[in-house]
Amino acid sequence: MKISARNALKGTVKAIDVGAVNTEVVVEVAPGVEITAVITKSSAERLDLSVGKEAYAVVKASDVMMAID
């Protein structure tokens, strides 16, 4: 795989919630550290995602924001 994004985190699919149009995918990238992505149902099917399968969470950094209390 080659991709221009610099934030590609390899992990294991922990949960998949399939909806009518979108699918929510939870990937554990480190022990206790999870990233949740919402992708189209057709993309999830094309990637053949399943719980326990290795996958990459790719983060587009142009929209990352910071906040404090």
C-alpha atoms as a PDB file:
ATOM      1  CA  MET A   1       0.000   0.000   0.000  1.00  0.00           C
ATOM      2  CA  LYS A   2       1.224   3.474  -0.852  1.00  0.00           C
ATOM      3  CA  ILE A   3      -0.677   6.525   0.329  1.00  0.00           C
ATOM      4  CA  SER A   4       0.131  10.221   0.602  1.00  0.00           C
ATOM      5  CA  ALA A   5      -1.395  10.597   4.077  1.00  0.00           C
ATOM      6  CA  ARG A   6       1.192  10.671   6.844  1.00  0.00           C
ATOM      7  CA  ASN A   7      -1.145   9.502   9.579  1.00  0.00           C
ATOM      8  CA  ALA A   8      -1.807   5.837   8.784  1.00  0.00           C
ATOM      9  CA  LEU A   9      -2.148   3.823  11.987  1.00  0.00           C
ATOM     10  CA  LYS A  10      -2.177   0.032  11.744  1.00  0.00           C
ATOM     11  CA  GLY A  11      -4.493  -1.794  14.080  1.00  0.00           C
ATOM     12  CA  THR A  12      -7.103  -4.507  14.535  1.00  0.00           C
ATOM     13  CA  VAL A  13     -10.807  -4.139  13.791  1.00  0.00           C
ATOM     14  CA  LYS A  14     -12.626  -4.443  17.136  1.00  0.00           C
ATOM     15  CA  ALA A  15     -16.217  -3.667  16.131  1.00  0.00           C
ATOM     16  CA  ILE A  16     -18.354  -3.058  13.056  1.00  0.00           C
ATOM     17  CA  ASP A  17     -21.831  -1.517  13.088  1.00  0.00           C
ATOM     18  CA  VAL A  18     -23.455  -1.763   9.647  1.00  0.00           C
ATOM     19  CA  GLY A  19     -26.196   0.741   8.860  1.00  0.00           C
ATOM     20  CA  ALA A  20     -28.384   1.260   5.818  1.00  0.00           C
ATOM     21  CA  VAL A  21     -25.872   3.618   4.148  1.00  0.00           C
ATOM     22  CA  ASN A  22     -22.829   3.946   6.426  1.00  0.00           C
ATOM     23  CA  THR A  23     -20.751   1.567   8.513  1.00  0.00           C
ATOM     24  CA  GLU A  24     -19.038   2.477  11.795  1.00  0.00           C
ATOM     25  CA  VAL A  25     -15.682   0.733  12.225  1.00  0.00           C
ATOM     26  CA  VAL A  26     -13.680   0.687  15.476  1.00  0.00           C
ATOM     27  CA  VAL A  27      -9.951  -0.048  15.123  1.00  0.00           C
ATOM     28  CA  GLU A  28      -7.660  -0.632  18.113  1.00  0.00           C
ATOM     29  CA  VAL A  29      -4.293   0.906  17.198  1.00  0.00           C
ATOM     30  CA  ALA A  30      -2.611   0.250  20.577  1.00  0.00           C
ATOM     31  CA  PRO A  31      -3.759  -1.492  23.751  1.00  0.00           C
ATOM     32  CA  GLY A  32      -6.766   0.508  24.932  1.00  0.00           C
ATOM     33  CA  VAL A  33      -6.472   3.086  22.126  1.00  0.00           C
ATOM     34  CA  GLU A  34      -9.312   2.991  19.600  1.00  0.00           C
ATOM     35  CA  ILE A  35     -10.174   5.053  16.548  1.00  0.00           C
ATOM     36  CA  THR A  36     -13.706   5.054  15.171  1.00  0.00           C
ATOM     37  CA  ALA A  37     -14.388   5.779  11.504  1.00  0.00           C
ATOM     38  CA  VAL A  38     -17.661   6.145   9.654  1.00  0.00           C
ATOM     39  CA  ILE A  39     -17.338   4.978   6.050  1.00  0.00           C
ATOM     40  CA  THR A  40     -19.845   4.051   3.381  1.00  0.00           C
ATOM     41  CA  LYS A  41     -21.368   0.607   3.575  1.00  0.00           C
ATOM     42  CA  SER A  42     -20.078  -0.155   0.076  1.00  0.00           C
ATOM     43  CA  SER A  43     -16.515   0.788   1.096  1.00  0.00           C
ATOM     44  CA  ALA A  44     -16.685  -1.541   4.103  1.00  0.00           C
ATOM     45  CA  GLU A  45     -17.886  -4.342   1.838  1.00  0.00           C
ATOM     46  CA  ARG A  46     -15.175  -3.630  -0.766  1.00  0.00           C
ATOM     47  CA  LEU A  47     -12.498  -3.731   1.951  1.00  0.00           C
ATOM     48  CA  ASP A  48     -14.003  -6.983   3.281  1.00  0.00           C
ATOM     49  CA  LEU A  49     -13.697  -5.689   6.851  1.00  0.00           C
ATOM     50  CA  SER A  50     -14.375  -8.079   9.709  1.00  0.00           C
ATOM     51  CA  VAL A  51     -13.687  -8.142  13.447  1.00  0.00           C
ATOM     52  CA  GLY A  52     -10.138  -9.335  14.118  1.00  0.00           C
ATOM     53  CA  LYS A  53      -8.817  -8.296  10.700  1.00  0.00           C
ATOM     54  CA  GLU A  54      -5.839  -5.924  10.483  1.00  0.00           C
ATOM     55  CA  ALA A  55      -6.603  -2.544   8.930  1.00  0.00           C
ATOM     56  CA  TYR A  56      -5.222   0.987   8.783  1.00  0.00           C
ATOM     57  CA  ALA A  57      -6.944   4.040  10.249  1.00  0.00           C
ATOM     58  CA  VAL A  58      -5.899   6.891   7.959  1.00  0.00           C
ATOM     59  CA  VAL A  59      -6.340  10.386   9.424  1.00  0.00           C
ATOM     60  CA  LYS A  60      -6.537  13.490   7.245  1.00  0.00           C
ATOM     61  CA  ALA A  61      -4.740  16.043   9.393  1.00  0.00           C
ATOM     62  CA  SER A  62      -6.018  19.202   7.690  1.00  0.00           C
ATOM     63  CA  ASP A  63      -9.107  19.239   9.951  1.00  0.00           C
ATOM     64  CA  VAL A  64      -7.571  18.399  13.332  1.00  0.00           C
ATOM     65  CA  MET A  65      -8.518  20.945  16.003  1.00  0.00           C
ATOM     66  CA  MET A  66      -7.298  21.531  19.553  1.00  0.00           C
ATOM     67  CA  ALA A  67      -9.275  22.523  22.660  1.00  0.00           C
ATOM     68  CA  ILE A  68      -8.742  23.045  26.375  1.00  0.00           C
ATOM     69  CA  ASP A  69     -11.048  23.348  29.409  1.00  0.00           C
END
